[in-house]
Amino acid sequence: MSEKPLSRKSFVLIGASAAAAAATPNAADAAAPLEVAAAPAKRGAKAPPHQQPIHALGQRPEAYAYFTEPEAVFMEAAVERLIPTDHHGPGGKEAGCAYYIDQQLAGRYGQGQTMYRHGPWGTALPTQGYQLRYTPAEVYRLGIAATNAYTNKVYRKVFNALDGAHQDTVLTALQMGTIGFDDPPPKVFFGMLLGDTVQGFFADPMYGGNRDKVGWKTIGFPGVGAVYVGLVEQHNKPYVVEPQGIADEMQHSMAFHCGTPVQHVQTRVAARSLAKDEA
């Protein structure tokens, strides 16, 4: 019996689901944050910093820090073809993968601050890893420009102006290294683009991607394990929770006990037990 080939998104989701299943605890529902009565605020007074909402990058007003406008629209088109919107849910564009990559390229990763970059430069063996003189930010800038030059030559359009089928053809050529340029190496550019897109789809929303936790919701991943520390001993119960990220945990941790800020998970749990005993 013949089987239908997996779609790109299904392939990504299967791999992510396997990793999430190995890391998911067995518990019933999310622990409620410690509730402690606070003094009434003065009318019009601004909430102190520990009581103000903490938002992930994907929930804040966004502005690209590294990509130019033409580069940004290229990236939004590319990530949507790599992880397309389908019956599973939103794709790479709506999840903010392009914005996630932009934020990474504007920082230490993009500048290659954790890479060895002193040469000698040459053709890399499969066991040698990254061997280019370019930083990741430079690979993206050069790769986007070279790809747009190629599509302009072949199709008389930049990449993001192509239809989906032609965009897939171009991405496949990048993946196979058969596109009409070699600087930067197309396979290196594509590998970086694909890997960073997957990271943006599943990383904590604090870093700008995985908007509304769409990646986590798609595979049933609960997010930050520390949020559910109060449930680890509840065995053999359905584990149905709303995913929680780093920003959620930071918000939950800003609780008070006897007027003193309780900022750490373990301390917060102890304070919750103490408050129950005192009640």
C-alpha atoms as a PDB file:
ATOM      1  CA  MET A   1       0.000   0.000   0.000  1.00  0.00           C
ATOM      2  CA  SER A   2       1.476   3.359  -0.983  1.00  0.00           C
ATOM      3  CA  GLU A   3       1.740   6.139   1.575  1.00  0.00           C
ATOM      4  CA  LYS A   4       1.465   9.857   0.966  1.00  0.00           C
ATOM      5  CA  PRO A   5       4.761  11.719   1.430  1.00  0.00           C
ATOM      6  CA  LEU A   6       5.029  13.915   4.498  1.00  0.00           C
ATOM      7  CA  SER A   7       4.593  17.627   4.021  1.00  0.00           C
ATOM      8  CA  ARG A   8       7.383  19.940   5.153  1.00  0.00           C
ATOM      9  CA  LYS A   9       5.364  21.065   8.150  1.00  0.00           C
ATOM     10  CA  SER A  10       4.391  17.519   9.146  1.00  0.00           C
ATOM     11  CA  PHE A  11       8.075  16.518   9.074  1.00  0.00           C
ATOM     12  CA  VAL A  12       8.987  19.435  11.354  1.00  0.00           C
ATOM     13  CA  LEU A  13       6.109  18.713  13.732  1.00  0.00           C
ATOM     14  CA  ILE A  14       6.870  14.981  14.039  1.00  0.00           C
ATOM     15  CA  GLY A  15      10.465  15.689  15.050  1.00  0.00           C
ATOM     16  CA  ALA A  16       9.418  18.368  17.520  1.00  0.00           C
ATOM     17  CA  SER A  17       6.637  16.214  18.987  1.00  0.00           C
ATOM     18  CA  ALA A  18       9.082  13.403  19.726  1.00  0.00           C
ATOM     19  CA  ALA A  19      11.378  15.789  21.584  1.00  0.00           C
ATOM     20  CA  ALA A  20       8.479  17.334  23.492  1.00  0.00           C
ATOM     21  CA  ALA A  21       7.061  13.951  24.511  1.00  0.00           C
ATOM     22  CA  ALA A  22      10.363  12.983  26.089  1.00  0.00           C
ATOM     23  CA  ALA A  23      10.432  16.181  28.119  1.00  0.00           C
ATOM     24  CA  THR A  24       6.750  16.466  29.144  1.00  0.00           C
ATOM     25  CA  PRO A  25       5.884  15.620  32.794  1.00  0.00           C
ATOM     26  CA  ASN A  26       2.727  13.771  33.813  1.00  0.00           C
ATOM     27  CA  ALA A  27       0.431  16.189  35.669  1.00  0.00           C
ATOM     28  CA  ALA A  28      -3.124  17.465  35.667  1.00  0.00           C
ATOM     29  CA  ASP A  29      -3.222  21.212  35.212  1.00  0.00           C
ATOM     30  CA  ALA A  30      -1.239  24.411  35.721  1.00  0.00           C
ATOM     31  CA  ALA A  31      -0.384  25.562  39.207  1.00  0.00           C
ATOM     32  CA  ALA A  32      -2.093  28.789  40.163  1.00  0.00           C
ATOM     33  CA  PRO A  33       0.171  31.690  41.157  1.00  0.00           C
ATOM     34  CA  LEU A  34       0.308  32.595  44.808  1.00  0.00           C
ATOM     35  CA  GLU A  35      -2.541  34.954  45.648  1.00  0.00           C
ATOM     36  CA  VAL A  36      -1.756  37.475  48.375  1.00  0.00           C
ATOM     37  CA  ALA A  37      -3.882  40.492  49.225  1.00  0.00           C
ATOM     38  CA  ALA A  38      -2.240  43.790  48.363  1.00  0.00           C
ATOM     39  CA  ALA A  39      -2.897  47.262  49.680  1.00  0.00           C
ATOM     40  CA  PRO A  40      -5.313  49.217  47.452  1.00  0.00           C
ATOM     41  CA  ALA A  41      -3.525  51.354  44.886  1.00  0.00           C
ATOM     42  CA  LYS A  42      -4.012  55.087  44.754  1.00  0.00           C
ATOM     43  CA  ARG A  43      -6.207  56.310  41.913  1.00  0.00           C
ATOM     44  CA  GLY A  44      -4.117  56.974  38.831  1.00  0.00           C
ATOM     45  CA  ALA A  45      -0.989  55.552  40.434  1.00  0.00           C
ATOM     46  CA  LYS A  46       1.328  53.524  38.211  1.00  0.00           C
ATOM     47  CA  ALA A  47       1.847  49.909  39.221  1.00  0.00           C
ATOM     48  CA  PRO A  48       5.304  49.198  40.658  1.00  0.00           C
ATOM     49  CA  PRO A  49       7.720  47.357  38.309  1.00  0.00           C
ATOM     50  CA  HIS A  50       7.141  43.954  39.917  1.00  0.00           C
ATOM     51  CA  GLN A  51       3.382  44.229  39.241  1.00  0.00           C
ATOM     52  CA  GLN A  52       3.573  45.431  35.645  1.00  0.00           C
ATOM     53  CA  PRO A  53       2.923  42.805  32.940  1.00  0.00           C
ATOM     54  CA  ILE A  54       6.011  41.224  31.405  1.00  0.00           C
ATOM     55  CA  HIS A  55       5.587  40.708  27.674  1.00  0.00           C
ATOM     56  CA  ALA A  56       7.544  38.463  25.332  1.00  0.00           C
ATOM     57  CA  LEU A  57       9.101  40.067  22.264  1.00  0.00           C
ATOM     58  CA  GLY A  58       6.344  38.687  20.056  1.00  0.00           C
ATOM     59  CA  GLN A  59       3.759  40.558  22.144  1.00  0.00           C
ATOM     60  CA  ARG A  60       5.490  43.930  21.952  1.00  0.00           C
ATOM     61  CA  PRO A  61       5.470  46.480  19.125  1.00  0.00           C
ATOM     62  CA  GLU A  62       8.006  45.087  16.674  1.00  0.00           C
ATOM     63  CA  ALA A  63      10.602  46.714  14.472  1.00  0.00           C
ATOM     64  CA  TYR A  64      13.242  44.818  12.529  1.00  0.00           C
ATOM     65  CA  ALA A  65      16.661  45.549  13.968  1.00  0.00           C
ATOM     66  CA  TYR A  66      18.868  44.025  11.259  1.00  0.00           C
ATOM     67  CA  PHE A  67      16.900  43.260   8.096  1.00  0.00           C
ATOM     68  CA  THR A  68      16.188  46.024   5.627  1.00  0.00           C
ATOM     69  CA  GLU A  69      12.631  46.193   4.277  1.00  0.00           C
ATOM     70  CA  PRO A  70      13.449  44.158   1.120  1.00  0.00           C
ATOM     71  CA  GLU A  71      15.259  41.584   3.254  1.00  0.00           C
ATOM     72  CA  ALA A  72      12.344  41.395   5.699  1.00  0.00           C
ATOM     73  CA  VAL A  73       9.759  40.647   2.998  1.00  0.00           C
ATOM     74  CA  PHE A  74      12.110  38.024   1.523  1.00  0.00           C
ATOM     75  CA  MET A  75      12.402  36.375   4.920  1.00  0.00           C
ATOM     76  CA  GLU A  76       8.671  36.459   5.623  1.00  0.00           C
ATOM     77  CA  ALA A  77       8.026  34.741   2.294  1.00  0.00           C
ATOM     78  CA  ALA A  78      10.786  32.170   2.852  1.00  0.00           C
ATOM     79  CA  VAL A  79       9.771  31.117   6.375  1.00  0.00           C
ATOM     80  CA  GLU A  80       6.162  30.730   5.242  1.00  0.00           C
ATOM     81  CA  ARG A  81       7.236  28.271   2.528  1.00  0.00           C
ATOM     82  CA  LEU A  82       9.495  26.353   4.924  1.00  0.00           C
ATOM     83  CA  ILE A  83       6.722  26.027   7.541  1.00  0.00           C
ATOM     84  CA  PRO A  84       3.508  26.768   5.641  1.00  0.00           C
ATOM     85  CA  THR A  85       0.131  27.524   7.127  1.00  0.00           C
ATOM     86  CA  ASP A  86      -2.058  24.408   6.882  1.00  0.00           C
ATOM     87  CA  HIS A  87      -4.656  22.396   8.792  1.00  0.00           C
ATOM     88  CA  HIS A  88      -2.225  22.054  11.697  1.00  0.00           C
ATOM     89  CA  GLY A  89      -2.307  25.808  12.250  1.00  0.00           C
ATOM     90  CA  PRO A  90      -0.355  28.996  11.441  1.00  0.00           C
ATOM     91  CA  GLY A  91       2.927  28.844   9.537  1.00  0.00           C
ATOM     92  CA  GLY A  92       6.309  30.472   9.871  1.00  0.00           C
ATOM     93  CA  LYS A  93       5.240  33.990   8.925  1.00  0.00           C
ATOM     94  CA  GLU A  94       2.408  34.278  11.450  1.00  0.00           C
ATOM     95  CA  ALA A  95       4.572  32.616  14.106  1.00  0.00           C
ATOM     96  CA  GLY A  96       7.094  35.458  13.747  1.00  0.00           C
ATOM     97  CA  CYS A  97      10.015  33.324  12.557  1.00  0.00           C
ATOM     98  CA  ALA A  98      11.441  36.152  10.429  1.00  0.00           C
ATOM     99  CA  TYR A  99      11.348  38.528  13.383  1.00  0.00           C
ATOM    100  CA  TYR A 100      12.975  35.914  15.623  1.00  0.00           C
ATOM    101  CA  ILE A 101      15.831  35.492  13.135  1.00  0.00           C
ATOM    102  CA  ASP A 102      16.210  39.264  12.827  1.00  0.00           C
ATOM    103  CA  GLN A 103      16.603  39.606  16.589  1.00  0.00           C
ATOM    104  CA  GLN A 104      19.219  36.855  16.650  1.00  0.00           C
ATOM    105  CA  LEU A 105      21.187  38.403  13.786  1.00  0.00           C
ATOM    106  CA  ALA A 106      21.195  41.755  15.554  1.00  0.00           C
ATOM    107  CA  GLY A 107      22.894  40.153  18.567  1.00  0.00           C
ATOM    108  CA  ARG A 108      25.804  37.878  19.476  1.00  0.00           C
ATOM    109  CA  TYR A 109      24.754  35.048  17.159  1.00  0.00           C
ATOM    110  CA  GLY A 110      24.550  37.299  14.127  1.00  0.00           C
ATOM    111  CA  GLN A 111      27.959  38.806  14.808  1.00  0.00           C
ATOM    112  CA  GLY A 112      29.572  35.387  15.216  1.00  0.00           C
ATOM    113  CA  GLN A 113      30.799  36.202  18.705  1.00  0.00           C
ATOM    114  CA  THR A 114      30.725  32.541  19.751  1.00  0.00           C
ATOM    115  CA  MET A 115      32.417  31.260  16.566  1.00  0.00           C
ATOM    116  CA  TYR A 116      36.055  30.684  15.693  1.00  0.00           C
ATOM    117  CA  ARG A 117      36.690  33.090  12.825  1.00  0.00           C
ATOM    118  CA  HIS A 118      40.439  33.326  12.319  1.00  0.00           C
ATOM    119  CA  GLY A 119      40.980  30.989   9.373  1.00  0.00           C
ATOM    120  CA  PRO A 120      42.465  29.385   7.441  1.00  0.00           C
ATOM    121  CA  TRP A 121      39.428  29.383   5.171  1.00  0.00           C
ATOM    122  CA  GLY A 122      38.744  26.515   2.864  1.00  0.00           C
ATOM    123  CA  THR A 123      36.312  23.825   1.830  1.00  0.00           C
ATOM    124  CA  ALA A 124      34.871  22.203   4.938  1.00  0.00           C
ATOM    125  CA  LEU A 125      34.745  18.477   5.505  1.00  0.00           C
ATOM    126  CA  PRO A 126      31.435  17.103   6.836  1.00  0.00           C
ATOM    127  CA  THR A 127      33.041  16.689  10.270  1.00  0.00           C
ATOM    128  CA  GLN A 128      34.349  20.262  10.483  1.00  0.00           C
ATOM    129  CA  GLY A 129      31.151  22.292  10.751  1.00  0.00           C
ATOM    130  CA  TYR A 130      30.958  25.962   9.848  1.00  0.00           C
ATOM    131  CA  GLN A 131      34.063  27.146   7.966  1.00  0.00           C
ATOM    132  CA  LEU A 132      33.157  30.500   6.380  1.00  0.00           C
ATOM    133  CA  ARG A 133      34.790  33.855   6.971  1.00  0.00           C
ATOM    134  CA  TYR A 134      31.324  35.429   7.114  1.00  0.00           C
ATOM    135  CA  THR A 135      29.274  36.006  10.245  1.00  0.00           C
ATOM    136  CA  PRO A 136      25.734  34.572  10.208  1.00  0.00           C
ATOM    137  CA  ALA A 137      24.395  38.103   9.680  1.00  0.00           C
ATOM    138  CA  GLU A 138      26.631  38.474   6.613  1.00  0.00           C
ATOM    139  CA  VAL A 139      25.555  35.061   5.275  1.00  0.00           C
ATOM    140  CA  TYR A 140      21.914  36.167   5.383  1.00  0.00           C
ATOM    141  CA  ARG A 141      22.603  39.548   3.777  1.00  0.00           C
ATOM    142  CA  LEU A 142      24.685  38.066   0.977  1.00  0.00           C
ATOM    143  CA  GLY A 143      22.411  35.043   0.543  1.00  0.00           C
ATOM    144  CA  ILE A 144      19.237  37.096   0.250  1.00  0.00           C
ATOM    145  CA  ALA A 145      20.849  39.461  -2.260  1.00  0.00           C
ATOM    146  CA  ALA A 146      22.234  36.586  -4.342  1.00  0.00           C
ATOM    147  CA  THR A 147      18.909  34.736  -4.328  1.00  0.00           C
ATOM    148  CA  ASN A 148      16.999  37.834  -5.401  1.00  0.00           C
ATOM    149  CA  ALA A 149      19.555  38.450  -8.150  1.00  0.00           C
ATOM    150  CA  TYR A 150      19.020  34.878  -9.348  1.00  0.00           C
ATOM    151  CA  THR A 151      15.215  35.118  -9.373  1.00  0.00           C
ATOM    152  CA  ASN A 152      15.378  38.494 -11.097  1.00  0.00           C
ATOM    153  CA  LYS A 153      17.517  36.955 -13.807  1.00  0.00           C
ATOM    154  CA  VAL A 154      15.411  33.805 -14.243  1.00  0.00           C
ATOM    155  CA  TYR A 155      11.878  35.012 -13.448  1.00  0.00           C
ATOM    156  CA  ARG A 156      12.173  38.824 -13.697  1.00  0.00           C
ATOM    157  CA  LYS A 157      10.915  39.059 -10.110  1.00  0.00           C
ATOM    158  CA  VAL A 158      12.388  39.120  -6.617  1.00  0.00           C
ATOM    159  CA  PHE A 159      11.829  36.009  -4.514  1.00  0.00           C
ATOM    160  CA  ASN A 160       8.892  37.292  -2.436  1.00  0.00           C
ATOM    161  CA  ALA A 161       7.011  38.318  -5.621  1.00  0.00           C
ATOM    162  CA  LEU A 162       7.041  34.734  -6.965  1.00  0.00           C
ATOM    163  CA  ASP A 163       4.131  32.359  -6.484  1.00  0.00           C
ATOM    164  CA  GLY A 164       4.449  29.551  -3.966  1.00  0.00           C
ATOM    165  CA  ALA A 165       5.415  26.886  -6.486  1.00  0.00           C
ATOM    166  CA  HIS A 166       8.296  28.938  -7.884  1.00  0.00           C
ATOM    167  CA  GLN A 167       9.426  29.894  -4.380  1.00  0.00           C
ATOM    168  CA  ASP A 168       9.594  26.174  -3.557  1.00  0.00           C
ATOM    169  CA  THR A 169      11.668  25.598  -6.702  1.00  0.00           C
ATOM    170  CA  VAL A 170      14.138  28.277  -5.645  1.00  0.00           C
ATOM    171  CA  LEU A 171      14.385  26.981  -2.069  1.00  0.00           C
ATOM    172  CA  THR A 172      14.978  23.465  -3.360  1.00  0.00           C
ATOM    173  CA  ALA A 173      17.770  24.777  -5.591  1.00  0.00           C
ATOM    174  CA  LEU A 174      19.333  26.448  -2.553  1.00  0.00           C
ATOM    175  CA  GLN A 175      19.057  23.223  -0.565  1.00  0.00           C
ATOM    176  CA  MET A 176      20.637  21.154  -3.359  1.00  0.00           C
ATOM    177  CA  GLY A 177      23.293  23.759  -4.165  1.00  0.00           C
ATOM    178  CA  THR A 178      22.198  23.966  -7.807  1.00  0.00           C
ATOM    179  CA  ILE A 179      21.208  27.642  -7.827  1.00  0.00           C
ATOM    180  CA  GLY A 180      23.257  30.048  -9.913  1.00  0.00           C
ATOM    181  CA  PHE A 181      25.696  31.408  -7.302  1.00  0.00           C
ATOM    182  CA  ASP A 182      28.323  30.072  -4.918  1.00  0.00           C
ATOM    183  CA  ASP A 183      29.051  32.961  -2.559  1.00  0.00           C
ATOM    184  CA  PRO A 184      27.838  32.378   0.068  1.00  0.00           C
ATOM    185  CA  PRO A 185      27.546  28.619  -0.504  1.00  0.00           C
ATOM    186  CA  PRO A 186      23.822  28.024  -1.170  1.00  0.00           C
ATOM    187  CA  LYS A 187      23.677  24.900   0.992  1.00  0.00           C
ATOM    188  CA  VAL A 188      25.129  26.786   3.956  1.00  0.00           C
ATOM    189  CA  PHE A 189      22.671  29.638   3.497  1.00  0.00           C
ATOM    190  CA  PHE A 190      19.722  27.268   3.192  1.00  0.00           C
ATOM    191  CA  GLY A 191      20.807  25.173   6.183  1.00  0.00           C
ATOM    192  CA  MET A 192      21.100  28.295   8.317  1.00  0.00           C
ATOM    193  CA  LEU A 193      17.743  29.601   7.072  1.00  0.00           C
ATOM    194  CA  LEU A 194      15.925  26.317   7.748  1.00  0.00           C
ATOM    195  CA  GLY A 195      17.505  25.709  11.148  1.00  0.00           C
ATOM    196  CA  ASP A 196      16.826  29.238  12.375  1.00  0.00           C
ATOM    197  CA  THR A 197      13.241  29.092  11.076  1.00  0.00           C
ATOM    198  CA  VAL A 198      12.545  25.898  13.048  1.00  0.00           C
ATOM    199  CA  GLN A 199      14.092  27.510  16.137  1.00  0.00           C
ATOM    200  CA  GLY A 200      11.870  30.555  15.675  1.00  0.00           C
ATOM    201  CA  PHE A 201       8.783  28.360  15.434  1.00  0.00           C
ATOM    202  CA  PHE A 202       9.491  26.446  18.655  1.00  0.00           C
ATOM    203  CA  ALA A 203      11.657  28.767  20.788  1.00  0.00           C
ATOM    204  CA  ASP A 204      10.249  30.514  23.831  1.00  0.00           C
ATOM    205  CA  PRO A 205       8.147  33.521  22.736  1.00  0.00           C
ATOM    206  CA  MET A 206      10.429  35.693  24.865  1.00  0.00           C
ATOM    207  CA  TYR A 207      12.813  35.709  21.877  1.00  0.00           C
ATOM    208  CA  GLY A 208      10.346  37.037  19.317  1.00  0.00           C
ATOM    209  CA  GLY A 209       9.070  33.934  17.522  1.00  0.00           C
ATOM    210  CA  ASN A 210       6.478  31.282  18.386  1.00  0.00           C
ATOM    211  CA  ARG A 211       3.834  34.026  18.626  1.00  0.00           C
ATOM    212  CA  ASP A 212       0.891  33.119  20.822  1.00  0.00           C
ATOM    213  CA  LYS A 213       2.861  29.891  21.445  1.00  0.00           C
ATOM    214  CA  VAL A 214       1.536  28.466  18.159  1.00  0.00           C
ATOM    215  CA  GLY A 215       4.475  26.079  17.795  1.00  0.00           C
ATOM    216  CA  TRP A 216       4.005  24.671  21.284  1.00  0.00           C
ATOM    217  CA  LYS A 217       0.232  24.405  20.910  1.00  0.00           C
ATOM    218  CA  THR A 218       0.622  22.535  17.637  1.00  0.00           C
ATOM    219  CA  ILE A 219       2.642  19.731  19.252  1.00  0.00           C
ATOM    220  CA  GLY A 220       1.112  19.851  22.731  1.00  0.00           C
ATOM    221  CA  PHE A 221       4.262  21.115  24.462  1.00  0.00           C
ATOM    222  CA  PRO A 222       3.545  22.827  27.812  1.00  0.00           C
ATOM    223  CA  GLY A 223       6.499  25.197  27.784  1.00  0.00           C
ATOM    224  CA  VAL A 224       8.519  26.186  30.842  1.00  0.00           C
ATOM    225  CA  GLY A 225       8.609  23.229  33.211  1.00  0.00           C
ATOM    226  CA  ALA A 226       9.174  25.345  36.337  1.00  0.00           C
ATOM    227  CA  VAL A 227       5.652  26.751  36.017  1.00  0.00           C
ATOM    228  CA  TYR A 228       4.246  23.307  36.809  1.00  0.00           C
ATOM    229  CA  VAL A 229       6.546  22.445  39.707  1.00  0.00           C
ATOM    230  CA  GLY A 230       3.529  22.016  41.990  1.00  0.00           C
ATOM    231  CA  LEU A 231       2.117  19.247  39.789  1.00  0.00           C
ATOM    232  CA  VAL A 232       5.040  16.866  39.425  1.00  0.00           C
ATOM    233  CA  GLU A 233       3.658  14.458  42.015  1.00  0.00           C
ATOM    234  CA  GLN A 234       0.191  14.224  40.444  1.00  0.00           C
ATOM    235  CA  HIS A 235       0.538  10.962  38.547  1.00  0.00           C
ATOM    236  CA  ASN A 236      -1.737   9.142  36.098  1.00  0.00           C
ATOM    237  CA  LYS A 237      -3.882  12.166  35.346  1.00  0.00           C
ATOM    238  CA  PRO A 238      -4.494  13.856  31.990  1.00  0.00           C
ATOM    239  CA  TYR A 239      -2.007  16.669  31.414  1.00  0.00           C
ATOM    240  CA  VAL A 240      -4.036  19.403  29.752  1.00  0.00           C
ATOM    241  CA  VAL A 241      -2.539  22.847  30.242  1.00  0.00           C
ATOM    242  CA  GLU A 242      -2.166  26.157  28.456  1.00  0.00           C
ATOM    243  CA  PRO A 243       1.520  26.545  27.458  1.00  0.00           C
ATOM    244  CA  GLN A 244       3.534  28.932  29.617  1.00  0.00           C
ATOM    245  CA  GLY A 245       6.693  30.750  28.593  1.00  0.00           C
ATOM    246  CA  ILE A 246       9.516  32.564  30.353  1.00  0.00           C
ATOM    247  CA  ALA A 247       7.563  35.826  30.473  1.00  0.00           C
ATOM    248  CA  ASP A 248       4.614  34.004  32.069  1.00  0.00           C
ATOM    249  CA  GLU A 249       6.874  32.444  34.702  1.00  0.00           C
ATOM    250  CA  MET A 250       8.459  35.824  35.437  1.00  0.00           C
ATOM    251  CA  GLN A 251       5.009  37.349  35.850  1.00  0.00           C
ATOM    252  CA  HIS A 252       3.838  34.524  38.095  1.00  0.00           C
ATOM    253  CA  SER A 253       6.974  34.724  40.206  1.00  0.00           C
ATOM    254  CA  MET A 254       6.375  38.354  41.131  1.00  0.00           C
ATOM    255  CA  ALA A 255       4.186  37.385  44.072  1.00  0.00           C
ATOM    256  CA  PHE A 256       4.272  38.666  47.635  1.00  0.00           C
ATOM    257  CA  HIS A 257       4.191  37.016  51.026  1.00  0.00           C
ATOM    258  CA  CYS A 258       3.833  39.213  54.098  1.00  0.00           C
ATOM    259  CA  GLY A 259       4.750  42.236  51.992  1.00  0.00           C
ATOM    260  CA  THR A 260       8.004  40.685  50.765  1.00  0.00           C
ATOM    261  CA  PRO A 261       8.544  39.947  47.050  1.00  0.00           C
ATOM    262  CA  VAL A 262       8.708  36.220  46.294  1.00  0.00           C
ATOM    263  CA  GLN A 263      10.663  35.927  43.048  1.00  0.00           C
ATOM    264  CA  HIS A 264      11.879  32.323  42.830  1.00  0.00           C
ATOM    265  CA  VAL A 265       9.877  29.218  42.057  1.00  0.00           C
ATOM    266  CA  GLN A 266      10.995  27.201  45.069  1.00  0.00           C
ATOM    267  CA  THR A 267      10.457  30.124  47.442  1.00  0.00           C
ATOM    268  CA  ARG A 268       7.061  30.820  45.923  1.00  0.00           C
ATOM    269  CA  VAL A 269       5.924  27.222  46.444  1.00  0.00           C
ATOM    270  CA  ALA A 270       7.133  27.332  50.052  1.00  0.00           C
ATOM    271  CA  ALA A 271       5.289  30.606  50.584  1.00  0.00           C
ATOM    272  CA  ARG A 272       2.116  29.123  49.120  1.00  0.00           C
ATOM    273  CA  SER A 273       2.321  26.211  51.575  1.00  0.00           C
ATOM    274  CA  LEU A 274       2.967  28.588  54.465  1.00  0.00           C
ATOM    275  CA  ALA A 275      -0.006  30.760  53.518  1.00  0.00           C
ATOM    276  CA  LYS A 276      -2.223  27.654  53.395  1.00  0.00           C
ATOM    277  CA  ASP A 277      -1.029  26.560  56.842  1.00  0.00           C
ATOM    278  CA  GLU A 278      -1.653  30.036  58.297  1.00  0.00           C
ATOM    279  CA  ALA A 279      -5.162  30.078  56.849  1.00  0.00           C
END
